[in-house]
Amino acid sequence: MKEYNYLDFTFHCTVIFFAHKRKYVPNLNSGKYRPHFMVKGQKDYLGIYFIDGEEVVFDKPIKCSALPLYDTVDYSALTEGTSFFIMESSNIVGEGIVEKIFWHR
């Protein structure tokens, strides 16, 4: 399996944010929202930041893009078709699936 431990790719995802877990919808277009993805069935926190996306409506699927945050982290568990939780600290605030990985090279 190829190790994704450099920052040369973008995750294109479909995500849902849970209304009962957040008070406000996050802004996915500012580059400032930096939660973690946690692959379902695993315990590793994979730091990401959202770079663009549709307007968030709680409990509705939306399309978005995210970049890996840390060059020392192995992101290889996030492959196309992988389901994940969106984590803020130990709180699951949403979930999603990796639809496509775009390589920058």
PDB file of N, CA and C in Angstrom:
ATOM      1  N   MET A   1       0.847  -1.175   0.000  1.00  0.00           N
ATOM      2  CA  MET A   1       0.000   0.000   0.000  1.00  0.00           C
ATOM      3  C   MET A   1       0.894   1.241   0.000  1.00  0.00           C
ATOM      4  N   LYS A   2       0.542   2.191  -0.802  1.00  0.00           N
ATOM      5  CA  LYS A   2       1.305   3.431  -0.914  1.00  0.00           C
ATOM      6  C   LYS A   2       1.091   4.296   0.327  1.00  0.00           C
ATOM      7  N   GLU A   3       2.176   4.800   0.905  1.00  0.00           N
ATOM      8  CA  GLU A   3       2.056   5.702   2.051  1.00  0.00           C
ATOM      9  C   GLU A   3       1.798   7.116   1.566  1.00  0.00           C
ATOM     10  N   TYR A   4       0.753   7.741   2.117  1.00  0.00           N
ATOM     11  CA  TYR A   4       0.417   9.119   1.786  1.00  0.00           C
ATOM     12  C   TYR A   4       0.926  10.006   2.918  1.00  0.00           C
ATOM     13  N   ASN A   5       2.222  10.172   3.026  1.00  0.00           N
ATOM     14  CA  ASN A   5       2.762  10.945   4.137  1.00  0.00           C
ATOM     15  C   ASN A   5       3.411  12.235   3.648  1.00  0.00           C
ATOM     16  N   TYR A   6       2.942  12.728   2.556  1.00  0.00           N
ATOM     17  CA  TYR A   6       3.357  14.021   2.030  1.00  0.00           C
ATOM     18  C   TYR A   6       2.071  14.730   1.632  1.00  0.00           C
ATOM     19  N   LEU A   7       2.128  15.986   1.388  1.00  0.00           N
ATOM     20  CA  LEU A   7       0.907  16.780   1.257  1.00  0.00           C
ATOM     21  C   LEU A   7       0.574  17.112  -0.189  1.00  0.00           C
ATOM     22  N   ASP A   8       0.652  16.139  -1.061  1.00  0.00           N
ATOM     23  CA  ASP A   8       0.516  16.359  -2.498  1.00  0.00           C
ATOM     24  C   ASP A   8      -0.806  15.858  -3.077  1.00  0.00           C
ATOM     25  N   PHE A   9      -1.870  15.879  -2.292  1.00  0.00           N
ATOM     26  CA  PHE A   9      -3.144  15.356  -2.773  1.00  0.00           C
ATOM     27  C   PHE A   9      -4.299  16.061  -2.070  1.00  0.00           C
ATOM     28  N   THR A  10      -5.472  15.963  -2.696  1.00  0.00           N
ATOM     29  CA  THR A  10      -6.703  16.538  -2.154  1.00  0.00           C
ATOM     30  C   THR A  10      -7.747  15.436  -2.058  1.00  0.00           C
ATOM     31  N   PHE A  11      -8.470  15.414  -0.944  1.00  0.00           N
ATOM     32  CA  PHE A  11      -9.593  14.490  -0.781  1.00  0.00           C
ATOM     33  C   PHE A  11     -10.866  15.186  -1.250  1.00  0.00           C
ATOM     34  N   HIS A  12     -11.596  14.558  -2.166  1.00  0.00           N
ATOM     35  CA  HIS A  12     -12.923  15.025  -2.552  1.00  0.00           C
ATOM     36  C   HIS A  12     -13.909  14.090  -1.853  1.00  0.00           C
ATOM     37  N   CYS A  13     -14.776  14.656  -1.037  1.00  0.00           N
ATOM     38  CA  CYS A  13     -15.607  13.867  -0.135  1.00  0.00           C
ATOM     39  C   CYS A  13     -17.067  14.285  -0.194  1.00  0.00           C
ATOM     40  N   THR A  14     -17.907  13.397   0.304  1.00  0.00           N
ATOM     41  CA  THR A  14     -19.276  13.728   0.655  1.00  0.00           C
ATOM     42  C   THR A  14     -19.363  13.592   2.168  1.00  0.00           C
ATOM     43  N   VAL A  15     -19.855  14.627   2.843  1.00  0.00           N
ATOM     44  CA  VAL A  15     -19.917  14.619   4.304  1.00  0.00           C
ATOM     45  C   VAL A  15     -21.292  15.056   4.796  1.00  0.00           C
ATOM     46  N   ILE A  16     -21.581  14.678   6.030  1.00  0.00           N
ATOM     47  CA  ILE A  16     -22.793  15.092   6.736  1.00  0.00           C
ATOM     48  C   ILE A  16     -22.359  15.573   8.117  1.00  0.00           C
ATOM     49  N   PHE A  17     -22.802  16.757   8.510  1.00  0.00           N
ATOM     50  CA  PHE A  17     -22.562  17.261   9.863  1.00  0.00           C
ATOM     51  C   PHE A  17     -23.838  17.076  10.675  1.00  0.00           C
ATOM     52  N   PHE A  18     -23.690  16.565  11.896  1.00  0.00           N
ATOM     53  CA  PHE A  18     -24.830  16.233  12.747  1.00  0.00           C
ATOM     54  C   PHE A  18     -25.308  17.450  13.538  1.00  0.00           C
ATOM     55  N   ALA A  19     -26.600  17.756  13.434  1.00  0.00           N
ATOM     56  CA  ALA A  19     -27.178  18.909  14.132  1.00  0.00           C
ATOM     57  C   ALA A  19     -27.081  18.756  15.646  1.00  0.00           C
ATOM     58  N   HIS A  20     -27.194  17.559  16.143  1.00  0.00           N
ATOM     59  CA  HIS A  20     -27.183  17.351  17.593  1.00  0.00           C
ATOM     60  C   HIS A  20     -25.770  17.371  18.189  1.00  0.00           C
ATOM     61  N   LYS A  21     -24.748  17.578  17.358  1.00  0.00           N
ATOM     62  CA  LYS A  21     -23.361  17.591  17.832  1.00  0.00           C
ATOM     63  C   LYS A  21     -22.680  18.952  17.718  1.00  0.00           C
ATOM     64  N   ARG A  22     -23.248  19.870  16.947  1.00  0.00           N
ATOM     65  CA  ARG A  22     -22.669  21.212  16.764  1.00  0.00           C
ATOM     66  C   ARG A  22     -23.779  22.248  16.887  1.00  0.00           C
ATOM     67  N   LYS A  23     -23.411  23.432  17.381  1.00  0.00           N
ATOM     68  CA  LYS A  23     -24.382  24.529  17.456  1.00  0.00           C
ATOM     69  C   LYS A  23     -24.475  25.276  16.140  1.00  0.00           C
ATOM     70  N   TYR A  24     -23.334  25.396  15.445  1.00  0.00           N
ATOM     71  CA  TYR A  24     -23.268  26.178  14.210  1.00  0.00           C
ATOM     72  C   TYR A  24     -22.666  25.335  13.098  1.00  0.00           C
ATOM     73  N   VAL A  25     -23.069  25.619  11.880  1.00  0.00           N
ATOM     74  CA  VAL A  25     -22.472  24.915  10.743  1.00  0.00           C
ATOM     75  C   VAL A  25     -21.061  25.454  10.512  1.00  0.00           C
ATOM     76  N   PRO A  26     -20.113  24.593  10.155  1.00  0.00           N
ATOM     77  CA  PRO A  26     -18.756  25.070   9.886  1.00  0.00           C
ATOM     78  C   PRO A  26     -18.652  25.705   8.506  1.00  0.00           C
ATOM     79  N   ASN A  27     -17.725  26.624   8.369  1.00  0.00           N
ATOM     80  CA  ASN A  27     -17.412  27.230   7.077  1.00  0.00           C
ATOM     81  C   ASN A  27     -16.322  26.376   6.431  1.00  0.00           C
ATOM     82  N   LEU A  28     -16.656  25.698   5.365  1.00  0.00           N
ATOM     83  CA  LEU A  28     -15.697  24.811   4.702  1.00  0.00           C
ATOM     84  C   LEU A  28     -14.847  25.530   3.673  1.00  0.00           C
ATOM     85  N   ASN A  29     -15.096  26.797   3.441  1.00  0.00           N
ATOM     86  CA  ASN A  29     -14.406  27.523   2.377  1.00  0.00           C
ATOM     87  C   ASN A  29     -13.299  28.451   2.856  1.00  0.00           C
ATOM     88  N   SER A  30     -13.128  28.590   4.141  1.00  0.00           N
ATOM     89  CA  SER A  30     -12.154  29.553   4.661  1.00  0.00           C
ATOM     90  C   SER A  30     -10.758  28.961   4.829  1.00  0.00           C
ATOM     91  N   GLY A  31     -10.643  27.636   4.860  1.00  0.00           N
ATOM     92  CA  GLY A  31      -9.362  27.000   5.144  1.00  0.00           C
ATOM     93  C   GLY A  31      -9.017  27.009   6.620  1.00  0.00           C
ATOM     94  N   LYS A  32      -9.934  27.488   7.449  1.00  0.00           N
ATOM     95  CA  LYS A  32      -9.670  27.599   8.887  1.00  0.00           C
ATOM     96  C   LYS A  32     -10.297  26.480   9.712  1.00  0.00           C
ATOM     97  N   TYR A  33     -11.227  25.746   9.140  1.00  0.00           N
ATOM     98  CA  TYR A  33     -11.859  24.649   9.882  1.00  0.00           C
ATOM     99  C   TYR A  33     -10.981  23.417   9.739  1.00  0.00           C
ATOM    100  N   ARG A  34     -10.401  22.956  10.853  1.00  0.00           N
ATOM    101  CA  ARG A  34      -9.394  21.897  10.842  1.00  0.00           C
ATOM    102  C   ARG A  34      -9.724  20.788  11.835  1.00  0.00           C
ATOM    103  N   PRO A  35     -10.721  19.985  11.538  1.00  0.00           N
ATOM    104  CA  PRO A  35     -11.015  18.839  12.393  1.00  0.00           C
ATOM    105  C   PRO A  35     -10.088  17.674  12.031  1.00  0.00           C
ATOM    106  N   HIS A  36     -10.432  16.496  12.466  1.00  0.00           N
ATOM    107  CA  HIS A  36      -9.714  15.281  12.081  1.00  0.00           C
ATOM    108  C   HIS A  36     -10.692  14.337  11.399  1.00  0.00           C
ATOM    109  N   PHE A  37     -10.183  13.541  10.485  1.00  0.00           N
ATOM    110  CA  PHE A  37     -10.918  12.394   9.974  1.00  0.00           C
ATOM    111  C   PHE A  37     -10.447  11.188  10.768  1.00  0.00           C
ATOM    112  N   MET A  38     -11.376  10.294  11.113  1.00  0.00           N
ATOM    113  CA  MET A  38     -11.043   9.023  11.733  1.00  0.00           C
ATOM    114  C   MET A  38     -11.738   7.937  10.924  1.00  0.00           C
ATOM    115  N   VAL A  39     -10.948   7.093  10.282  1.00  0.00           N
ATOM    116  CA  VAL A  39     -11.510   6.013   9.476  1.00  0.00           C
ATOM    117  C   VAL A  39     -12.367   5.132  10.382  1.00  0.00           C
ATOM    118  N   LYS A  40     -13.572   4.810   9.936  1.00  0.00           N
ATOM    119  CA  LYS A  40     -14.464   3.969  10.740  1.00  0.00           C
ATOM    120  C   LYS A  40     -13.791   2.625  11.004  1.00  0.00           C
ATOM    121  N   GLY A  41     -13.789   2.216  12.266  1.00  0.00           N
ATOM    122  CA  GLY A  41     -13.147   0.974  12.673  1.00  0.00           C
ATOM    123  C   GLY A  41     -11.702   1.148  13.098  1.00  0.00           C
ATOM    124  N   GLN A  42     -11.177   2.359  12.987  1.00  0.00           N
ATOM    125  CA  GLN A  42      -9.805   2.646  13.411  1.00  0.00           C
ATOM    126  C   GLN A  42      -9.826   3.749  14.469  1.00  0.00           C
ATOM    127  N   LYS A  43      -8.664   4.021  15.049  1.00  0.00           N
ATOM    128  CA  LYS A  43      -8.607   5.010  16.128  1.00  0.00           C
ATOM    129  C   LYS A  43      -7.646   6.155  15.842  1.00  0.00           C
ATOM    130  N   ASP A  44      -7.019   6.169  14.672  1.00  0.00           N
ATOM    131  CA  ASP A  44      -6.052   7.216  14.348  1.00  0.00           C
ATOM    132  C   ASP A  44      -6.766   8.502  13.942  1.00  0.00           C
ATOM    133  N   TYR A  45      -6.297   9.610  14.503  1.00  0.00           N
ATOM    134  CA  TYR A  45      -6.786  10.935  14.136  1.00  0.00           C
ATOM    135  C   TYR A  45      -5.929  11.447  12.982  1.00  0.00           C
ATOM    136  N   LEU A  46      -6.565  11.783  11.862  1.00  0.00           N
ATOM    137  CA  LEU A  46      -5.868  12.240  10.661  1.00  0.00           C
ATOM    138  C   LEU A  46      -6.240  13.703  10.428  1.00  0.00           C
ATOM    139  N   GLY A  47      -5.338  14.591  10.762  1.00  0.00           N
ATOM    140  CA  GLY A  47      -5.602  16.023  10.667  1.00  0.00           C
ATOM    141  C   GLY A  47      -5.791  16.481   9.230  1.00  0.00           C
ATOM    142  N   ILE A  48      -6.861  17.228   9.009  1.00  0.00           N
ATOM    143  CA  ILE A  48      -7.171  17.757   7.669  1.00  0.00           C
ATOM    144  C   ILE A  48      -7.653  19.195   7.817  1.00  0.00           C
ATOM    145  N   TYR A  49      -7.743  19.883   6.690  1.00  0.00           N
ATOM    146  CA  TYR A  49      -8.482  21.143   6.687  1.00  0.00           C
ATOM    147  C   TYR A  49      -9.273  21.234   5.398  1.00  0.00           C
ATOM    148  N   PHE A  50     -10.494  21.734   5.551  1.00  0.00           N
ATOM    149  CA  PHE A  50     -11.386  21.883   4.410  1.00  0.00           C
ATOM    150  C   PHE A  50     -10.990  23.122   3.624  1.00  0.00           C
ATOM    151  N   ILE A  51     -10.985  22.991   2.292  1.00  0.00           N
ATOM    152  CA  ILE A  51     -10.606  24.120   1.446  1.00  0.00           C
ATOM    153  C   ILE A  51     -11.763  24.646   0.610  1.00  0.00           C
ATOM    154  N   ASP A  52     -12.780  23.829   0.391  1.00  0.00           N
ATOM    155  CA  ASP A  52     -13.980  24.306  -0.294  1.00  0.00           C
ATOM    156  C   ASP A  52     -15.102  23.309  -0.091  1.00  0.00           C
ATOM    157  N   GLY A  53     -16.301  23.772  -0.361  1.00  0.00           N
ATOM    158  CA  GLY A  53     -17.442  22.883  -0.223  1.00  0.00           C
ATOM    159  C   GLY A  53     -18.742  23.622  -0.410  1.00  0.00           C
ATOM    160  N   GLU A  54     -19.781  22.844  -0.566  1.00  0.00           N
ATOM    161  CA  GLU A  54     -21.122  23.399  -0.650  1.00  0.00           C
ATOM    162  C   GLU A  54     -21.502  23.975   0.717  1.00  0.00           C
ATOM    163  N   GLU A  55     -22.529  24.784   0.732  1.00  0.00           N
ATOM    164  CA  GLU A  55     -23.005  25.332   2.004  1.00  0.00           C
ATOM    165  C   GLU A  55     -23.486  24.184   2.887  1.00  0.00           C
ATOM    166  N   VAL A  56     -23.036  24.190   4.130  1.00  0.00           N
ATOM    167  CA  VAL A  56     -23.393  23.114   5.054  1.00  0.00           C
ATOM    168  C   VAL A  56     -24.814  23.319   5.567  1.00  0.00           C
ATOM    169  N   VAL A  57     -25.609  22.264   5.460  1.00  0.00           N
ATOM    170  CA  VAL A  57     -26.927  22.182   6.073  1.00  0.00           C
ATOM    171  C   VAL A  57     -26.873  20.941   6.954  1.00  0.00           C
ATOM    172  N   PHE A  58     -27.172  21.099   8.241  1.00  0.00           N
ATOM    173  CA  PHE A  58     -27.097  19.958   9.148  1.00  0.00           C
ATOM    174  C   PHE A  58     -27.899  18.768   8.632  1.00  0.00           C
ATOM    175  N   ASP A  59     -27.319  17.592   8.816  1.00  0.00           N
ATOM    176  CA  ASP A  59     -27.950  16.307   8.509  1.00  0.00           C
ATOM    177  C   ASP A  59     -28.253  16.103   7.021  1.00  0.00           C
ATOM    178  N   LYS A  60     -27.593  16.870   6.156  1.00  0.00           N
ATOM    179  CA  LYS A  60     -27.734  16.725   4.700  1.00  0.00           C
ATOM    180  C   LYS A  60     -26.361  16.475   4.094  1.00  0.00           C
ATOM    181  N   PRO A  61     -26.241  15.538   3.144  1.00  0.00           N
ATOM    182  CA  PRO A  61     -24.939  15.300   2.506  1.00  0.00           C
ATOM    183  C   PRO A  61     -24.533  16.469   1.616  1.00  0.00           C
ATOM    184  N   ILE A  62     -23.260  16.825   1.705  1.00  0.00           N
ATOM    185  CA  ILE A  62     -22.714  17.887   0.857  1.00  0.00           C
ATOM    186  C   ILE A  62     -21.368  17.441   0.292  1.00  0.00           C
ATOM    187  N   LYS A  63     -20.993  18.022  -0.830  1.00  0.00           N
ATOM    188  CA  LYS A  63     -19.692  17.766  -1.463  1.00  0.00           C
ATOM    189  C   LYS A  63     -18.685  18.785  -0.950  1.00  0.00           C
ATOM    190  N   CYS A  64     -17.448  18.328  -0.747  1.00  0.00           N
ATOM    191  CA  CYS A  64     -16.405  19.235  -0.265  1.00  0.00           C
ATOM    192  C   CYS A  64     -15.030  18.669  -0.605  1.00  0.00           C
ATOM    193  N   SER A  65     -14.012  19.486  -0.368  1.00  0.00           N
ATOM    194  CA  SER A  65     -12.620  19.082  -0.584  1.00  0.00           C
ATOM    195  C   SER A  65     -11.814  19.409   0.659  1.00  0.00           C
ATOM    196  N   ALA A  66     -10.846  18.539   0.950  1.00  0.00           N
ATOM    197  CA  ALA A  66      -9.996  18.729   2.125  1.00  0.00           C
ATOM    198  C   ALA A  66      -8.564  18.358   1.779  1.00  0.00           C
ATOM    199  N   LEU A  67      -7.649  18.989   2.489  1.00  0.00           N
ATOM    200  CA  LEU A  67      -6.222  18.709   2.335  1.00  0.00           C
ATOM    201  C   LEU A  67      -5.677  18.096   3.617  1.00  0.00           C
ATOM    202  N   PRO A  68      -4.657  17.237   3.491  1.00  0.00           N
ATOM    203  CA  PRO A  68      -3.996  16.727   4.693  1.00  0.00           C
ATOM    204  C   PRO A  68      -3.247  17.862   5.377  1.00  0.00           C
ATOM    205  N   LEU A  69      -3.137  17.778   6.690  1.00  0.00           N
ATOM    206  CA  LEU A  69      -2.547  18.864   7.466  1.00  0.00           C
ATOM    207  C   LEU A  69      -1.099  18.604   7.861  1.00  0.00           C
ATOM    208  N   TYR A  70      -0.750  17.358   8.126  1.00  0.00           N
ATOM    209  CA  TYR A  70       0.570  17.042   8.683  1.00  0.00           C
ATOM    210  C   TYR A  70       1.373  16.159   7.736  1.00  0.00           C
ATOM    211  N   ASP A  71       2.593  16.569   7.417  1.00  0.00           N
ATOM    212  CA  ASP A  71       3.415  15.765   6.509  1.00  0.00           C
ATOM    213  C   ASP A  71       4.047  14.563   7.203  1.00  0.00           C
ATOM    214  N   THR A  72       3.916  14.443   8.516  1.00  0.00           N
ATOM    215  CA  THR A  72       4.467  13.299   9.248  1.00  0.00           C
ATOM    216  C   THR A  72       3.430  12.210   9.496  1.00  0.00           C
ATOM    217  N   VAL A  73       2.201  12.422   9.048  1.00  0.00           N
ATOM    218  CA  VAL A  73       1.118  11.466   9.265  1.00  0.00           C
ATOM    219  C   VAL A  73       0.905  10.637   8.005  1.00  0.00           C
ATOM    220  N   ASP A  74       0.655   9.347   8.187  1.00  0.00           N
ATOM    221  CA  ASP A  74       0.356   8.450   7.074  1.00  0.00           C
ATOM    222  C   ASP A  74      -1.155   8.458   6.829  1.00  0.00           C
ATOM    223  N   TYR A  75      -1.570   9.006   5.708  1.00  0.00           N
ATOM    224  CA  TYR A  75      -2.984   9.104   5.349  1.00  0.00           C
ATOM    225  C   TYR A  75      -3.445   7.951   4.452  1.00  0.00           C
ATOM    226  N   SER A  76      -2.665   6.898   4.324  1.00  0.00           N
ATOM    227  CA  SER A  76      -2.972   5.824   3.366  1.00  0.00           C
ATOM    228  C   SER A  76      -4.263   5.076   3.688  1.00  0.00           C
ATOM    229  N   ALA A  77      -4.782   5.173   4.899  1.00  0.00           N
ATOM    230  CA  ALA A  77      -6.054   4.527   5.229  1.00  0.00           C
ATOM    231  C   ALA A  77      -7.232   5.226   4.550  1.00  0.00           C
ATOM    232  N   LEU A  78      -7.034   6.459   4.121  1.00  0.00           N
ATOM    233  CA  LEU A  78      -8.092   7.220   3.446  1.00  0.00           C
ATOM    234  C   LEU A  78      -7.990   7.001   1.937  1.00  0.00           C
ATOM    235  N   THR A  79      -8.585   5.933   1.478  1.00  0.00           N
ATOM    236  CA  THR A  79      -8.602   5.614   0.054  1.00  0.00           C
ATOM    237  C   THR A  79      -9.996   5.910  -0.496  1.00  0.00           C
ATOM    238  N   GLU A  80     -10.124   5.893  -1.798  1.00  0.00           N
ATOM    239  CA  GLU A  80     -11.432   6.119  -2.410  1.00  0.00           C
ATOM    240  C   GLU A  80     -12.414   5.064  -1.911  1.00  0.00           C
ATOM    241  N   GLY A  81     -13.572   5.514  -1.464  1.00  0.00           N
ATOM    242  CA  GLY A  81     -14.593   4.625  -0.925  1.00  0.00           C
ATOM    243  C   GLY A  81     -14.529   4.435   0.582  1.00  0.00           C
ATOM    244  N   THR A  82     -13.525   5.006   1.236  1.00  0.00           N
ATOM    245  CA  THR A  82     -13.372   4.858   2.681  1.00  0.00           C
ATOM    246  C   THR A  82     -14.355   5.755   3.430  1.00  0.00           C
ATOM    247  N   SER A  83     -15.036   5.180   4.424  1.00  0.00           N
ATOM    248  CA  SER A  83     -15.938   5.934   5.293  1.00  0.00           C
ATOM    249  C   SER A  83     -15.178   6.399   6.526  1.00  0.00           C
ATOM    250  N   PHE A  84     -15.518   7.582   7.007  1.00  0.00           N
ATOM    251  CA  PHE A  84     -14.805   8.152   8.149  1.00  0.00           C
ATOM    252  C   PHE A  84     -15.753   8.983   9.010  1.00  0.00           C
ATOM    253  N   PHE A  85     -15.313   9.217  10.247  1.00  0.00           N
ATOM    254  CA  PHE A  85     -15.981  10.162  11.130  1.00  0.00           C
ATOM    255  C   PHE A  85     -15.244  11.488  11.059  1.00  0.00           C
ATOM    256  N   ILE A  86     -15.952  12.579  11.277  1.00  0.00           N
ATOM    257  CA  ILE A  86     -15.336  13.897  11.428  1.00  0.00           C
ATOM    258  C   ILE A  86     -15.275  14.162  12.926  1.00  0.00           C
ATOM    259  N   MET A  87     -14.058  14.358  13.425  1.00  0.00           N
ATOM    260  CA  MET A  87     -13.825  14.470  14.859  1.00  0.00           C
ATOM    261  C   MET A  87     -13.416  15.890  15.243  1.00  0.00           C
ATOM    262  N   GLU A  88     -13.989  16.371  16.325  1.00  0.00           N
ATOM    263  CA  GLU A  88     -13.525  17.584  17.002  1.00  0.00           C
ATOM    264  C   GLU A  88     -13.185  17.131  18.414  1.00  0.00           C
ATOM    265  N   SER A  89     -11.903  17.024  18.695  1.00  0.00           N
ATOM    266  CA  SER A  89     -11.435  16.425  19.936  1.00  0.00           C
ATOM    267  C   SER A  89     -11.977  14.994  19.970  1.00  0.00           C
ATOM    268  N   SER A  90     -12.658  14.594  21.027  1.00  0.00           N
ATOM    269  CA  SER A  90     -13.183  13.226  21.085  1.00  0.00           C
ATOM    270  C   SER A  90     -14.639  13.148  20.635  1.00  0.00           C
ATOM    271  N   ASN A  91     -15.165  14.227  20.074  1.00  0.00           N
ATOM    272  CA  ASN A  91     -16.565  14.284  19.649  1.00  0.00           C
ATOM    273  C   ASN A  91     -16.717  13.987  18.165  1.00  0.00           C
ATOM    274  N   ILE A  92     -17.614  13.069  17.855  1.00  0.00           N
ATOM    275  CA  ILE A  92     -17.969  12.798  16.459  1.00  0.00           C
ATOM    276  C   ILE A  92     -19.010  13.834  16.053  1.00  0.00           C
ATOM    277  N   VAL A  93     -18.639  14.730  15.139  1.00  0.00           N
ATOM    278  CA  VAL A  93     -19.551  15.806  14.723  1.00  0.00           C
ATOM    279  C   VAL A  93     -20.131  15.579  13.335  1.00  0.00           C
ATOM    280  N   GLY A  94     -19.663  14.530  12.664  1.00  0.00           N
ATOM    281  CA  GLY A  94     -20.153  14.226  11.331  1.00  0.00           C
ATOM    282  C   GLY A  94     -19.519  12.955  10.816  1.00  0.00           C
ATOM    283  N   GLU A  95     -19.842  12.650   9.581  1.00  0.00           N
ATOM    284  CA  GLU A  95     -19.264  11.480   8.929  1.00  0.00           C
ATOM    285  C   GLU A  95     -19.185  11.746   7.441  1.00  0.00           C
ATOM    286  N   GLY A  96     -18.434  10.910   6.748  1.00  0.00           N
ATOM    287  CA  GLY A  96     -18.305  11.113   5.313  1.00  0.00           C
ATOM    288  C   GLY A  96     -17.685   9.927   4.619  1.00  0.00           C
ATOM    289  N   ILE A  97     -17.473  10.109   3.335  1.00  0.00           N
ATOM    290  CA  ILE A  97     -16.839   9.097   2.499  1.00  0.00           C
ATOM    291  C   ILE A  97     -15.913   9.800   1.515  1.00  0.00           C
ATOM    292  N   VAL A  98     -14.753   9.204   1.289  1.00  0.00           N
ATOM    293  CA  VAL A  98     -13.818   9.726   0.289  1.00  0.00           C
ATOM    294  C   VAL A  98     -14.327   9.286  -1.077  1.00  0.00           C
ATOM    295  N   GLU A  99     -14.687  10.233  -1.918  1.00  0.00           N
ATOM    296  CA  GLU A  99     -15.184   9.928  -3.264  1.00  0.00           C
ATOM    297  C   GLU A  99     -14.035   9.789  -4.255  1.00  0.00           C
ATOM    298  N   LYS A 100     -13.036  10.660  -4.119  1.00  0.00           N
ATOM    299  CA  LYS A 100     -11.921  10.677  -5.069  1.00  0.00           C
ATOM    300  C   LYS A 100     -10.718  11.308  -4.389  1.00  0.00           C
ATOM    301  N   ILE A 101      -9.539  10.881  -4.806  1.00  0.00           N
ATOM    302  CA  ILE A 101      -8.294  11.509  -4.367  1.00  0.00           C
ATOM    303  C   ILE A 101      -7.632  12.100  -5.596  1.00  0.00           C
ATOM    304  N   PHE A 102      -7.384  13.395  -5.545  1.00  0.00           N
ATOM    305  CA  PHE A 102      -6.746  14.097  -6.655  1.00  0.00           C
ATOM    306  C   PHE A 102      -5.286  14.328  -6.306  1.00  0.00           C
ATOM    307  N   TRP A 103      -4.397  13.769  -7.124  1.00  0.00           N
ATOM    308  CA  TRP A 103      -2.956  13.940  -6.927  1.00  0.00           C
ATOM    309  C   TRP A 103      -2.496  15.190  -7.651  1.00  0.00           C
ATOM    310  N   HIS A 104      -1.703  16.003  -6.997  1.00  0.00           N
ATOM    311  CA  HIS A 104      -1.262  17.282  -7.550  1.00  0.00           C
ATOM    312  C   HIS A 104      -0.112  17.142  -8.528  1.00  0.00           C
ATOM    313  N   ARG A 105       0.490  15.991  -8.633  1.00  0.00           N
ATOM    314  CA  ARG A 105       1.605  15.822  -9.574  1.00  0.00           C
ATOM    315  C   ARG A 105       1.153  15.093 -10.808  1.00  0.00           C
TER     316      ARG A 105
END
